[in-house]
């Protein structure tokens, strides 16, 4: 009887031991990678203005699968935003928020934007996100994109000044509503180098001050709007570290497409507006720094932006995929 009981106990405890080992095993680089994704074909005009015509059909979940990335930020846009859940009909359509959430179920972590592209959205989006988070346990938080937004004004000294996409009271209300999910939920936001570097030629201030708002965020994602400015990435990272609250982590945003770049080779093309793939030497530069900082703990995560370019042939997309294949399984000692 005793040997039988011992064997039975061993068998019952074995899964617990395995699970414990899985829990305490070091995270990998891949675990800390996110795709910043919008609804399919969202940024069509940006790509068409640079000569990439025909649009994109790739969905956020497909983009994450193609890259080999387990985490997703779903960023809404005013021109193709899923309707509010209270307005959804009894029948299904391809635009319902829950259908997006279903497609995200295989992913490890998902964040849904309350503030989407251009700083639009806000507190009105939060109840639907909370509702979805209660049903989908891989929802881990809210993303606030383009937090410094219109209206922009000019000061007497020529400084451009924007406004926060959400007020202090709205940020506090958002936190209160997230508390109803029943598990920890984080708030992440975008911050561009020109929003905190007062020496940047494109500096945009915020009123009330952006740094006063950062106490509401768990993570700020550092984005470099113009590819040429990636050469200053180390300096900008150090500056942000000196300004942010100690309780706020930093993630590094990695563009595949330079939305604000100008391609000198197309200077004589009258159909060309702006934008180009991030040059591969600068892809190597930002990813090498991101990997180094991730291993050092200076950044918590790496966020990849460029879903629409994946199936439109931009060279930075397969480069990024190969980089993930090469480094994704490297261990992090934390």
Protein backbone atom coordinates (compact mmCIF):
# COMPACT_ATOMS: atom_id res chain seq x y z
CA UNK A 1 0.00 0.00 0.00
CA UNK A 2 2.76 2.48 0.91
CA UNK A 3 4.77 1.98 -2.33
CA UNK A 4 1.56 2.38 -4.32
CA UNK A 5 0.73 5.60 -2.45
CA UNK A 6 4.26 6.91 -3.00
CA UNK A 7 4.04 6.22 -6.73
CA UNK A 8 0.61 7.85 -6.93
CA UNK A 9 1.87 10.92 -5.04
CA UNK A 10 4.86 11.20 -7.39
CA UNK A 11 2.62 11.01 -10.45
CA UNK A 12 0.26 13.64 -9.08
CA UNK A 13 3.06 16.04 -8.17
CA UNK A 14 5.01 15.61 -11.41
CA UNK A 15 2.95 18.14 -13.42
CA UNK A 16 3.35 20.66 -10.59
CA UNK A 17 7.13 20.24 -10.69
CA UNK A 18 7.16 20.68 -14.47
CA UNK A 19 4.98 23.78 -14.24
CA UNK A 20 7.22 25.21 -11.52
CA UNK A 21 10.27 24.67 -13.70
CA UNK A 22 8.53 26.38 -16.61
CA UNK A 23 7.57 29.31 -14.42
CA UNK A 24 11.05 29.99 -13.09
CA UNK A 25 12.89 29.38 -16.38
CA UNK A 26 14.50 32.54 -17.79
CA UNK A 27 12.46 34.49 -20.28
CA UNK A 28 13.65 34.66 -23.88
CA UNK A 29 14.02 37.65 -26.16
CA UNK A 30 10.94 36.47 -28.04
CA UNK A 31 8.85 36.67 -24.88
CA UNK A 32 9.55 40.42 -24.84
CA UNK A 33 8.68 41.13 -28.49
CA UNK A 34 5.46 42.86 -29.55
CA UNK A 35 3.87 43.70 -32.88
CA UNK A 36 2.26 47.13 -33.02
CA UNK A 37 -0.61 46.30 -35.38
CA UNK A 38 -3.55 48.15 -36.90
CA UNK A 39 -6.60 46.79 -38.76
CA UNK A 40 -5.70 45.35 -42.16
CA UNK A 41 -4.75 47.97 -44.77
CA UNK A 42 -4.90 50.75 -42.17
CA UNK A 43 -1.99 52.95 -43.30
CA UNK A 44 -2.63 52.61 -47.07
CA UNK A 45 -2.14 56.31 -47.85
CA UNK A 46 1.27 56.43 -46.17
CA UNK A 47 2.58 53.61 -48.36
CA UNK A 48 0.89 54.75 -51.55
CA UNK A 49 2.45 58.19 -51.12
CA UNK A 50 5.83 56.46 -51.33
CA UNK A 51 4.94 54.34 -54.36
CA UNK A 52 3.88 51.11 -52.63
CA UNK A 53 0.46 50.71 -54.22
CA UNK A 54 -2.28 48.10 -53.93
CA UNK A 55 -2.72 48.06 -50.18
CA UNK A 56 -2.11 45.38 -47.56
CA UNK A 57 -4.35 42.46 -46.66
CA UNK A 58 -2.43 41.21 -43.62
CA UNK A 59 -4.29 41.23 -40.30
CA UNK A 60 -2.60 41.89 -36.95
CA UNK A 61 -2.73 38.22 -35.90
CA UNK A 62 -1.25 37.13 -39.25
CA UNK A 63 1.53 39.68 -38.89
CA UNK A 64 2.45 38.40 -35.44
CA UNK A 65 2.46 34.83 -36.77
CA UNK A 66 4.64 35.77 -39.77
CA UNK A 67 7.19 37.59 -37.62
CA UNK A 68 7.23 34.93 -34.91
CA UNK A 69 6.15 37.40 -32.23
CA UNK A 70 3.88 36.24 -29.35
CA UNK A 71 2.52 39.62 -28.18
CA UNK A 72 0.33 42.20 -29.88
CA UNK A 73 -0.76 45.80 -29.47
CA UNK A 74 -3.97 46.43 -31.39
CA UNK A 75 -4.06 50.09 -32.39
CA UNK A 76 -7.35 51.48 -33.60
CA UNK A 77 -7.69 54.17 -36.25
CA UNK A 78 -10.50 56.68 -36.87
CA UNK A 79 -11.12 55.51 -40.44
CA UNK A 80 -11.43 51.77 -39.72
CA UNK A 81 -12.14 51.49 -36.02
CA UNK A 82 -14.37 48.60 -34.84
CA UNK A 83 -17.71 49.91 -33.57
CA UNK A 84 -18.47 50.22 -29.86
CA UNK A 85 -19.80 46.96 -28.47
CA UNK A 86 -23.03 48.59 -27.33
CA UNK A 87 -23.81 49.35 -31.00
CA UNK A 88 -23.07 45.89 -32.31
CA UNK A 89 -25.99 43.97 -33.78
CA UNK A 90 -27.19 40.53 -32.75
CA UNK A 91 -25.55 39.13 -35.89
CA UNK A 92 -21.85 39.04 -36.51
CA UNK A 93 -19.98 41.33 -38.90
CA UNK A 94 -16.33 41.45 -39.79
CA UNK A 95 -15.83 44.61 -37.75
CA UNK A 96 -16.93 43.55 -34.27
CA UNK A 97 -14.40 44.04 -31.51
CA UNK A 98 -14.96 40.54 -30.18
CA UNK A 99 -14.06 38.99 -33.53
CA UNK A 100 -10.72 40.74 -33.34
CA UNK A 101 -10.30 39.45 -29.78
CA UNK A 102 -11.04 35.88 -30.92
CA UNK A 103 -8.33 36.09 -33.58
CA UNK A 104 -5.90 37.22 -30.86
CA UNK A 105 -6.59 34.26 -28.53
CA UNK A 106 -3.45 32.25 -29.53
CA UNK A 107 -1.23 35.21 -28.58
CA UNK A 108 0.37 35.41 -25.13
CA UNK A 109 -0.24 39.09 -24.34
CA UNK A 110 -2.57 41.61 -25.97
CA UNK A 111 -3.00 45.32 -25.42
CA UNK A 112 -5.90 47.25 -26.95
CA UNK A 113 -5.59 50.96 -27.68
CA UNK A 114 -7.89 53.34 -25.87
CA UNK A 115 -6.08 56.20 -27.61
CA UNK A 116 -5.41 55.23 -31.20
CA UNK A 117 -3.65 56.80 -34.18
CA UNK A 118 -3.61 60.57 -34.12
CA UNK A 119 -4.54 60.68 -30.43
CA UNK A 120 -8.19 59.83 -31.09
CA UNK A 121 -10.37 57.74 -28.79
CA UNK A 122 -9.99 58.13 -25.05
CA UNK A 123 -12.06 57.29 -22.02
CA UNK A 124 -15.08 56.23 -24.10
CA UNK A 125 -13.09 53.23 -25.37
CA UNK A 126 -12.24 51.90 -21.91
CA UNK A 127 -15.54 50.13 -20.98
CA UNK A 128 -15.34 47.90 -24.08
CA UNK A 129 -11.70 47.04 -23.38
CA UNK A 130 -12.59 46.12 -19.79
CA UNK A 131 -15.48 43.95 -21.04
CA UNK A 132 -13.19 42.11 -23.46
CA UNK A 133 -10.45 41.70 -20.84
CA UNK A 134 -12.88 39.92 -18.52
CA UNK A 135 -13.54 37.30 -21.22
CA UNK A 136 -10.06 37.06 -22.75
CA UNK A 137 -7.35 36.39 -20.13
CA UNK A 138 -4.50 37.22 -22.52
CA UNK A 139 -5.57 40.89 -22.45
CA UNK A 140 -2.93 42.49 -20.24
CA UNK A 141 -3.49 46.20 -20.59
CA UNK A 142 -4.33 49.36 -22.46
CA UNK A 143 -2.18 51.23 -24.96
CA UNK A 144 -2.29 55.00 -25.43
CA UNK A 145 -0.83 55.98 -28.80
CA UNK A 146 0.05 59.54 -29.87
CA UNK A 147 -0.63 60.84 -26.37
CA UNK A 148 0.49 64.42 -27.15
CA UNK A 149 -2.04 65.55 -29.71
CA UNK A 150 -4.08 68.38 -31.23
CA UNK A 151 -4.89 71.18 -30.88
CA UNK A 152 -1.34 72.44 -31.36
CA UNK A 153 -0.59 76.08 -30.64
CA UNK A 154 2.47 78.31 -30.91
CA UNK A 155 4.03 80.12 -27.98
CA UNK A 156 5.63 83.54 -28.32
CA UNK A 157 9.06 81.86 -28.43
CA UNK A 158 7.93 79.73 -31.38
CA UNK A 159 7.57 76.48 -29.41
CA UNK A 160 4.83 74.15 -30.60
CA UNK A 161 2.56 73.01 -27.77
CA UNK A 162 0.12 70.09 -27.81
CA UNK A 163 -2.36 68.71 -25.31
CA UNK A 164 -2.64 65.30 -23.63
CA UNK A 165 -5.08 62.92 -25.32
CA UNK A 166 -6.63 62.26 -21.88
CA UNK A 167 -7.00 64.55 -18.90
CA UNK A 168 -5.76 63.80 -15.40
CA UNK A 169 -9.31 62.93 -14.32
CA UNK A 170 -9.77 60.62 -17.32
CA UNK A 171 -6.52 58.80 -16.62
CA UNK A 172 -7.60 58.21 -13.03
CA UNK A 173 -11.03 57.00 -14.19
CA UNK A 174 -9.34 54.61 -16.64
CA UNK A 175 -7.30 53.12 -13.80
CA UNK A 176 -10.43 52.72 -11.67
CA UNK A 177 -12.22 50.87 -14.48
CA UNK A 178 -9.22 48.60 -15.13
CA UNK A 179 -9.43 47.57 -11.49
CA UNK A 180 -12.74 45.85 -12.31
CA UNK A 181 -11.03 43.30 -14.58
CA UNK A 182 -9.94 41.30 -11.53
CA UNK A 183 -6.25 40.94 -12.39
CA UNK A 184 -3.37 43.38 -12.92
CA UNK A 185 -3.74 45.48 -16.07
CA UNK A 186 -1.01 47.81 -17.31
CA UNK A 187 -1.10 51.12 -19.16
CA UNK A 188 1.51 51.76 -21.85
CA UNK A 189 1.95 54.88 -23.94
CA UNK A 190 3.92 56.31 -26.86
CA UNK A 191 6.62 58.91 -26.36
CA UNK A 192 8.60 60.40 -29.25
CA UNK A 193 12.09 61.79 -28.88
CA UNK A 194 10.86 65.23 -29.98
CA UNK A 195 8.42 65.27 -27.06
CA UNK A 196 11.05 65.25 -24.31
CA UNK A 197 14.27 66.49 -25.99
CA UNK A 198 13.99 70.28 -25.90
CA UNK A 199 17.00 70.57 -28.23
CA UNK A 200 15.30 68.51 -30.96
CA UNK A 201 14.52 70.64 -34.05
CA UNK A 202 10.96 69.25 -34.08
CA UNK A 203 10.39 69.64 -30.34
CA UNK A 204 6.72 69.64 -29.32
CA UNK A 205 5.92 70.59 -25.76
CA UNK A 206 2.79 69.56 -23.87
CA UNK A 207 0.51 71.52 -21.57
CA UNK A 208 0.02 70.34 -18.90
CA UNK A 209 3.60 68.98 -18.94
CA UNK A 210 4.02 65.47 -20.32
CA UNK A 211 6.32 64.44 -17.49
CA UNK A 212 3.52 65.18 -15.02
CA UNK A 213 1.38 62.57 -16.82
CA UNK A 214 3.99 59.80 -16.77
CA UNK A 215 3.13 58.76 -13.22
CA UNK A 216 -0.02 57.18 -14.71
CA UNK A 217 1.92 54.85 -17.03
CA UNK A 218 3.58 51.52 -16.33
CA UNK A 219 5.62 51.62 -19.54
CA UNK A 220 6.56 54.35 -22.03
CA UNK A 221 7.54 53.16 -25.51
CA UNK A 222 10.36 55.24 -26.97
CA UNK A 223 9.83 55.95 -30.68
CA UNK A 224 12.22 57.71 -33.07
CA UNK A 225 10.07 59.38 -35.72
CA UNK A 226 12.78 60.03 -38.32
CA UNK A 227 15.19 57.25 -39.19
CA UNK A 228 18.18 59.61 -39.32
CA UNK A 229 17.63 60.39 -35.63
CA UNK A 230 18.34 56.75 -34.76
CA UNK A 231 22.01 57.76 -34.72
CA UNK A 232 21.16 59.64 -31.50
CA UNK A 233 19.30 56.72 -29.95
CA UNK A 234 21.80 56.14 -27.14
CA UNK A 235 21.74 59.81 -26.15
CA UNK A 236 17.93 59.93 -26.27
CA UNK A 237 17.60 56.77 -24.22
CA UNK A 238 19.82 58.21 -21.49
CA UNK A 239 17.83 61.45 -21.49
CA UNK A 240 14.50 59.63 -21.13
CA UNK A 241 15.92 57.52 -18.29
CA UNK A 242 16.87 60.71 -16.47
CA UNK A 243 13.38 62.23 -16.85
CA UNK A 244 10.96 59.38 -16.30
CA UNK A 245 9.57 58.32 -12.89
CA UNK A 246 11.42 55.40 -11.30
CA UNK A 247 8.21 53.37 -11.30
CA UNK A 248 7.84 53.64 -15.08
CA UNK A 249 9.63 51.17 -17.36
CA UNK A 250 10.88 51.89 -20.88
CA UNK A 251 10.23 49.79 -23.97
CA UNK A 252 11.94 50.46 -27.30
CA UNK A 253 9.85 51.07 -30.40
CA UNK A 254 11.33 49.73 -33.65
CA UNK A 255 9.98 51.12 -36.92
CA UNK A 256 10.17 49.08 -40.11
CA UNK A 257 8.84 52.03 -42.12
CA UNK A 258 10.02 55.62 -41.85
CA UNK A 259 6.73 57.50 -42.05
CA UNK A 260 8.43 60.91 -41.89
CA UNK A 261 11.51 60.05 -43.97
CA UNK A 262 12.28 61.49 -47.39
CA UNK A 263 13.81 59.21 -50.02
CA UNK A 264 16.45 61.26 -51.88
CA UNK A 265 16.31 58.86 -54.81
CA UNK A 266 12.74 59.99 -55.48
CA UNK A 267 13.40 63.73 -55.40
CA UNK A 268 12.33 64.10 -59.05
CA UNK A 269 9.24 61.87 -58.72
CA UNK A 270 6.21 64.20 -58.67
CA UNK A 271 3.95 61.42 -57.36
CA UNK A 272 6.18 60.84 -54.33
CA UNK A 273 4.98 62.35 -51.04
CA UNK A 274 7.12 60.95 -48.22
CA UNK A 275 8.15 57.76 -46.41
CA UNK A 276 10.51 54.89 -47.09
CA UNK A 277 11.59 51.59 -45.51
CA UNK A 278 14.02 52.09 -42.62
CA UNK A 279 17.51 51.53 -44.10
CA UNK A 280 18.97 48.17 -43.13
CA UNK A 281 22.06 49.65 -41.48
CA UNK A 282 19.76 51.60 -39.15
CA UNK A 283 17.62 48.50 -38.59
CA UNK A 284 20.80 46.78 -37.42
CA UNK A 285 21.68 49.76 -35.23
CA UNK A 286 18.34 50.03 -33.41
CA UNK A 287 17.89 46.28 -33.01
CA UNK A 288 21.43 45.75 -31.72
CA UNK A 289 20.93 48.45 -29.11
CA UNK A 290 17.48 47.06 -28.28
CA UNK A 291 18.89 43.57 -27.73
CA UNK A 292 21.72 44.92 -25.57
CA UNK A 293 19.37 47.03 -23.44
CA UNK A 294 16.87 44.18 -23.14
CA UNK A 295 19.56 41.90 -21.74
CA UNK A 296 20.80 44.64 -19.42
CA UNK A 297 17.28 45.38 -18.20
CA UNK A 298 17.35 48.99 -19.41
CA UNK A 299 14.31 48.27 -21.58
CA UNK A 300 11.54 45.84 -20.69
CA UNK A 301 10.31 45.03 -24.19
CA UNK A 302 10.81 45.68 -27.92
CA UNK A 303 7.82 46.84 -29.99
CA UNK A 304 7.88 46.38 -33.79
CA UNK A 305 5.81 48.69 -35.99
CA UNK A 306 5.19 48.05 -39.66
CA UNK A 307 2.37 45.53 -40.21
CA UNK A 308 1.27 46.88 -43.60
CA UNK A 309 4.77 46.71 -44.99
CA UNK A 310 5.15 42.99 -44.36
CA UNK A 311 3.16 41.94 -47.44
CA UNK A 312 4.11 44.93 -49.61
CA UNK A 313 7.74 44.00 -50.13
CA UNK A 314 9.65 46.44 -47.95
CA UNK A 315 13.14 45.00 -47.24
CA UNK A 316 13.13 45.86 -43.55
CA UNK A 317 10.30 43.34 -42.91
CA UNK A 318 12.13 40.10 -43.87
CA UNK A 319 15.25 41.56 -42.24
CA UNK A 320 13.29 41.89 -38.98
CA UNK A 321 11.90 38.37 -39.30
CA UNK A 322 15.39 36.93 -39.81
CA UNK A 323 16.67 38.93 -36.81
CA UNK A 324 13.93 37.43 -34.65
CA UNK A 325 14.79 33.94 -35.88
CA UNK A 326 18.43 34.56 -34.96
CA UNK A 327 17.91 36.13 -31.53
CA UNK A 328 14.38 35.22 -30.41
CA UNK A 329 15.35 32.19 -28.35
CA UNK A 330 18.26 33.83 -26.52
CA UNK A 331 17.75 33.74 -22.76
CA UNK A 332 17.20 36.76 -20.53
CA UNK A 333 18.43 36.44 -16.96
CA UNK A 334 15.28 37.91 -15.47
